[in-house]
Each structure stands twice: as C-alpha cells, then as structure tokens.
Amino acid sequence: MKLQNDTFLRALCKLPTEYTPIWLMRQAGRYLPEYRRTRSEAGSFMGLAT
C-alpha cells in the first residue's frame, strides 16, 4: 500500500521533507488543563495553528 502523503513518517525517520509536519493533539483539550488554557488564550482551535 502506497501512502499519498508520507511526510510525517519521513520526518520520524529523520529523512528530508519539503516542510516540517506538526502533530496537534486535538482530543487532549477535553483532558489536559494546559491545553485548555492555551486554547482559551488562542480563541479557537485554528488560532493555535496560525
């Protein structure tokens, strides 16, 4: 099976990538106080990504 976008896996293997992928723990907002505080300061989930 060939992946359409293997950028994240390539970065994990320390291979060159066109850009640096990021991992967002969106589900953590329900549980982690630190994430909830950061999100409240950003105003929205998309505000965290910009």
PDB file of N, CA and C in Angstrom:
ATOM      1  N   MET A   1       0.841  -1.183   0.000  1.00  0.00           N
ATOM      2  CA  MET A   1       0.000   0.000   0.000  1.00  0.00           C
ATOM      3  C   MET A   1       0.882   1.240   0.000  1.00  0.00           C
ATOM      4  N   LYS A   2       0.694   2.121  -0.942  1.00  0.00           N
ATOM      5  CA  LYS A   2       1.477   3.352  -1.057  1.00  0.00           C
ATOM      6  C   LYS A   2       0.706   4.506  -0.427  1.00  0.00           C
ATOM      7  N   LEU A   3       1.358   5.253   0.437  1.00  0.00           N
ATOM      8  CA  LEU A   3       0.729   6.412   1.057  1.00  0.00           C
ATOM      9  C   LEU A   3       0.747   7.585   0.093  1.00  0.00           C
ATOM     10  N   GLN A   4      -0.300   8.392   0.131  1.00  0.00           N
ATOM     11  CA  GLN A   4      -0.332   9.591  -0.698  1.00  0.00           C
ATOM     12  C   GLN A   4       0.556  10.682  -0.106  1.00  0.00           C
ATOM     13  N   ASN A   5       0.652  10.720   1.217  1.00  0.00           N
ATOM     14  CA  ASN A   5       1.459  11.738   1.879  1.00  0.00           C
ATOM     15  C   ASN A   5       2.192  11.067   3.037  1.00  0.00           C
ATOM     16  N   ASP A   6       3.464  10.833   2.853  1.00  0.00           N
ATOM     17  CA  ASP A   6       4.253  10.166   3.890  1.00  0.00           C
ATOM     18  C   ASP A   6       5.206  11.132   4.596  1.00  0.00           C
ATOM     19  N   THR A   7       4.903  12.419   4.534  1.00  0.00           N
ATOM     20  CA  THR A   7       5.792  13.435   5.108  1.00  0.00           C
ATOM     21  C   THR A   7       6.043  13.201   6.588  1.00  0.00           C
ATOM     22  N   PHE A   8       4.996  12.907   7.337  1.00  0.00           N
ATOM     23  CA  PHE A   8       5.158  12.703   8.776  1.00  0.00           C
ATOM     24  C   PHE A   8       6.049  11.500   9.057  1.00  0.00           C
ATOM     25  N   LEU A   9       5.821  10.416   8.342  1.00  0.00           N
ATOM     26  CA  LEU A   9       6.642   9.216   8.540  1.00  0.00           C
ATOM     27  C   LEU A   9       8.094   9.466   8.138  1.00  0.00           C
ATOM     28  N   ARG A  10       8.303  10.226   7.064  1.00  0.00           N
ATOM     29  CA  ARG A  10       9.673  10.549   6.636  1.00  0.00           C
ATOM     30  C   ARG A  10      10.378  11.383   7.714  1.00  0.00           C
ATOM     31  N   ALA A  11       9.668  12.329   8.301  1.00  0.00           N
ATOM     32  CA  ALA A  11      10.258  13.153   9.356  1.00  0.00           C
ATOM     33  C   ALA A  11      10.601  12.304  10.575  1.00  0.00           C
ATOM     34  N   LEU A  12       9.751  11.340  10.910  1.00  0.00           N
ATOM     35  CA  LEU A  12      10.037  10.448  12.035  1.00  0.00           C
ATOM     36  C   LEU A  12      11.318   9.649  11.818  1.00  0.00           C
ATOM     37  N   CYS A  13      11.582   9.322  10.559  1.00  0.00           N
ATOM     38  CA  CYS A  13      12.789   8.556  10.213  1.00  0.00           C
ATOM     39  C   CYS A  13      13.992   9.459   9.956  1.00  0.00           C
ATOM     40  N   LYS A  14      13.822  10.770  10.214  1.00  0.00           N
ATOM     41  CA  LYS A  14      14.879  11.769  10.014  1.00  0.00           C
ATOM     42  C   LYS A  14      15.339  11.834   8.563  1.00  0.00           C
ATOM     43  N   LEU A  15      14.386  11.651   7.644  1.00  0.00           N
ATOM     44  CA  LEU A  15      14.654  11.794   6.218  1.00  0.00           C
ATOM     45  C   LEU A  15      14.251  13.201   5.783  1.00  0.00           C
ATOM     46  N   PRO A  16      14.820  13.707   4.697  1.00  0.00           N
ATOM     47  CA  PRO A  16      14.459  15.056   4.233  1.00  0.00           C
ATOM     48  C   PRO A  16      12.973  15.149   3.862  1.00  0.00           C
ATOM     49  N   THR A  17      12.367  16.281   4.194  1.00  0.00           N
ATOM     50  CA  THR A  17      10.973  16.551   3.833  1.00  0.00           C
ATOM     51  C   THR A  17      10.882  17.956   3.257  1.00  0.00           C
ATOM     52  N   GLU A  18       9.822  18.222   2.498  1.00  0.00           N
ATOM     53  CA  GLU A  18       9.630  19.544   1.903  1.00  0.00           C
ATOM     54  C   GLU A  18       9.236  20.580   2.952  1.00  0.00           C
ATOM     55  N   TYR A  19       8.624  20.131   4.025  1.00  0.00           N
ATOM     56  CA  TYR A  19       8.199  21.018   5.108  1.00  0.00           C
ATOM     57  C   TYR A  19       8.207  20.223   6.405  1.00  0.00           C
ATOM     58  N   THR A  20       8.144  20.925   7.519  1.00  0.00           N
ATOM     59  CA  THR A  20       8.140  20.266   8.820  1.00  0.00           C
ATOM     60  C   THR A  20       6.697  19.991   9.240  1.00  0.00           C
ATOM     61  N   PRO A  21       6.316  18.727   9.330  1.00  0.00           N
ATOM     62  CA  PRO A  21       4.945  18.419   9.743  1.00  0.00           C
ATOM     63  C   PRO A  21       4.768  18.652  11.244  1.00  0.00           C
ATOM     64  N   ILE A  22       3.544  18.936  11.644  1.00  0.00           N
ATOM     65  CA  ILE A  22       3.242  19.110  13.068  1.00  0.00           C
ATOM     66  C   ILE A  22       2.136  18.138  13.465  1.00  0.00           C
ATOM     67  N   TRP A  23       2.092  17.809  14.726  1.00  0.00           N
ATOM     68  CA  TRP A  23       1.073  16.903  15.262  1.00  0.00           C
ATOM     69  C   TRP A  23       0.302  17.680  16.312  1.00  0.00           C
ATOM     70  N   LEU A  24      -0.999  17.795  16.124  1.00  0.00           N
ATOM     71  CA  LEU A  24      -1.840  18.502  17.080  1.00  0.00           C
ATOM     72  C   LEU A  24      -2.690  17.495  17.838  1.00  0.00           C
ATOM     73  N   MET A  25      -2.674  17.606  19.156  1.00  0.00           N
ATOM     74  CA  MET A  25      -3.464  16.696  19.987  1.00  0.00           C
ATOM     75  C   MET A  25      -4.825  17.330  20.270  1.00  0.00           C
ATOM     76  N   ARG A  26      -5.674  17.358  19.296  1.00  0.00           N
ATOM     77  CA  ARG A  26      -6.974  18.000  19.461  1.00  0.00           C
ATOM     78  C   ARG A  26      -7.801  17.349  20.564  1.00  0.00           C
ATOM     79  N   GLN A  27      -7.802  16.051  20.675  1.00  0.00           N
ATOM     80  CA  GLN A  27      -8.598  15.370  21.693  1.00  0.00           C
ATOM     81  C   GLN A  27      -8.122  15.692  23.106  1.00  0.00           C
ATOM     82  N   ALA A  28      -6.896  16.148  23.253  1.00  0.00           N
ATOM     83  CA  ALA A  28      -6.356  16.444  24.577  1.00  0.00           C
ATOM     84  C   ALA A  28      -7.095  17.597  25.244  1.00  0.00           C
ATOM     85  N   GLY A  29      -7.776  18.417  24.465  1.00  0.00           N
ATOM     86  CA  GLY A  29      -8.481  19.563  25.018  1.00  0.00           C
ATOM     87  C   GLY A  29      -9.513  19.196  26.061  1.00  0.00           C
ATOM     88  N   ARG A  30     -10.013  17.999  25.969  1.00  0.00           N
ATOM     89  CA  ARG A  30     -11.012  17.569  26.951  1.00  0.00           C
ATOM     90  C   ARG A  30     -10.384  17.225  28.292  1.00  0.00           C
ATOM     91  N   TYR A  31      -9.105  16.918  28.296  1.00  0.00           N
ATOM     92  CA  TYR A  31      -8.488  16.333  29.490  1.00  0.00           C
ATOM     93  C   TYR A  31      -7.347  17.139  30.099  1.00  0.00           C
ATOM     94  N   LEU A  32      -6.514  17.751  29.264  1.00  0.00           N
ATOM     95  CA  LEU A  32      -5.323  18.410  29.793  1.00  0.00           C
ATOM     96  C   LEU A  32      -5.585  19.880  30.121  1.00  0.00           C
ATOM     97  N   PRO A  33      -5.409  20.268  31.380  1.00  0.00           N
ATOM     98  CA  PRO A  33      -5.627  21.662  31.757  1.00  0.00           C
ATOM     99  C   PRO A  33      -4.716  22.617  30.983  1.00  0.00           C
ATOM    100  N   GLU A  34      -3.484  22.200  30.700  1.00  0.00           N
ATOM    101  CA  GLU A  34      -2.547  23.056  29.977  1.00  0.00           C
ATOM    102  C   GLU A  34      -3.059  23.347  28.568  1.00  0.00           C
ATOM    103  N   TYR A  35      -3.579  22.333  27.914  1.00  0.00           N
ATOM    104  CA  TYR A  35      -4.113  22.502  26.562  1.00  0.00           C
ATOM    105  C   TYR A  35      -5.347  23.409  26.588  1.00  0.00           C
ATOM    106  N   ARG A  36      -6.229  23.206  27.561  1.00  0.00           N
ATOM    107  CA  ARG A  36      -7.441  24.024  27.661  1.00  0.00           C
ATOM    108  C   ARG A  36      -7.079  25.484  27.900  1.00  0.00           C
ATOM    109  N   ARG A  37      -6.083  25.742  28.728  1.00  0.00           N
ATOM    110  CA  ARG A  37      -5.648  27.112  28.999  1.00  0.00           C
ATOM    111  C   ARG A  37      -5.072  27.751  27.735  1.00  0.00           C
ATOM    112  N   THR A  38      -4.214  27.014  27.026  1.00  0.00           N
ATOM    113  CA  THR A  38      -3.619  27.532  25.794  1.00  0.00           C
ATOM    114  C   THR A  38      -4.693  27.807  24.752  1.00  0.00           C
ATOM    115  N   ARG A  39      -5.645  26.904  24.628  1.00  0.00           N
ATOM    116  CA  ARG A  39      -6.705  27.095  23.641  1.00  0.00           C
ATOM    117  C   ARG A  39      -7.580  28.291  23.999  1.00  0.00           C
ATOM    118  N   SER A  40      -7.848  28.501  25.276  1.00  0.00           N
ATOM    119  CA  SER A  40      -8.672  29.652  25.659  1.00  0.00           C
ATOM    120  C   SER A  40      -7.954  30.961  25.340  1.00  0.00           C
ATOM    121  N   GLU A  41      -6.638  30.968  25.437  1.00  0.00           N
ATOM    122  CA  GLU A  41      -5.869  32.165  25.087  1.00  0.00           C
ATOM    123  C   GLU A  41      -5.829  32.380  23.576  1.00  0.00           C
ATOM    124  N   ALA A  42      -5.822  31.308  22.795  1.00  0.00           N
ATOM    125  CA  ALA A  42      -5.774  31.413  21.332  1.00  0.00           C
ATOM    126  C   ALA A  42      -7.134  31.792  20.756  1.00  0.00           C
ATOM    127  N   GLY A  43      -8.215  31.490  21.464  1.00  0.00           N
ATOM    128  CA  GLY A  43      -9.543  31.842  20.995  1.00  0.00           C
ATOM    129  C   GLY A  43     -10.243  30.745  20.222  1.00  0.00           C
ATOM    130  N   SER A  44      -9.500  29.935  19.490  1.00  0.00           N
ATOM    131  CA  SER A  44     -10.101  28.838  18.729  1.00  0.00           C
ATOM    132  C   SER A  44      -9.029  27.812  18.407  1.00  0.00           C
ATOM    133  N   PHE A  45      -9.460  26.650  17.976  1.00  0.00           N
ATOM    134  CA  PHE A  45      -8.501  25.615  17.593  1.00  0.00           C
ATOM    135  C   PHE A  45      -7.630  26.083  16.430  1.00  0.00           C
ATOM    136  N   MET A  46      -8.241  26.733  15.446  1.00  0.00           N
ATOM    137  CA  MET A  46      -7.471  27.210  14.292  1.00  0.00           C
ATOM    138  C   MET A  46      -6.502  28.321  14.701  1.00  0.00           C
ATOM    139  N   GLY A  47      -6.827  29.067  15.741  1.00  0.00           N
ATOM    140  CA  GLY A  47      -5.916  30.087  16.246  1.00  0.00           C
ATOM    141  C   GLY A  47      -4.622  29.492  16.771  1.00  0.00           C
ATOM    142  N   LEU A  48      -4.681  28.257  17.218  1.00  0.00           N
ATOM    143  CA  LEU A  48      -3.475  27.575  17.685  1.00  0.00           C
ATOM    144  C   LEU A  48      -2.540  27.246  16.530  1.00  0.00           C
ATOM    145  N   ALA A  49      -3.110  26.997  15.360  1.00  0.00           N
ATOM    146  CA  ALA A  49      -2.320  26.563  14.206  1.00  0.00           C
ATOM    147  C   ALA A  49      -1.722  27.725  13.429  1.00  0.00           C
ATOM    148  N   THR A  50      -2.143  28.933  13.700  1.00  0.00           N
ATOM    149  CA  THR A  50      -1.627  30.076  12.930  1.00  0.00           C
ATOM    150  C   THR A  50      -0.661  30.895  13.731  1.00  0.00           C
TER     151      THR A  50
END
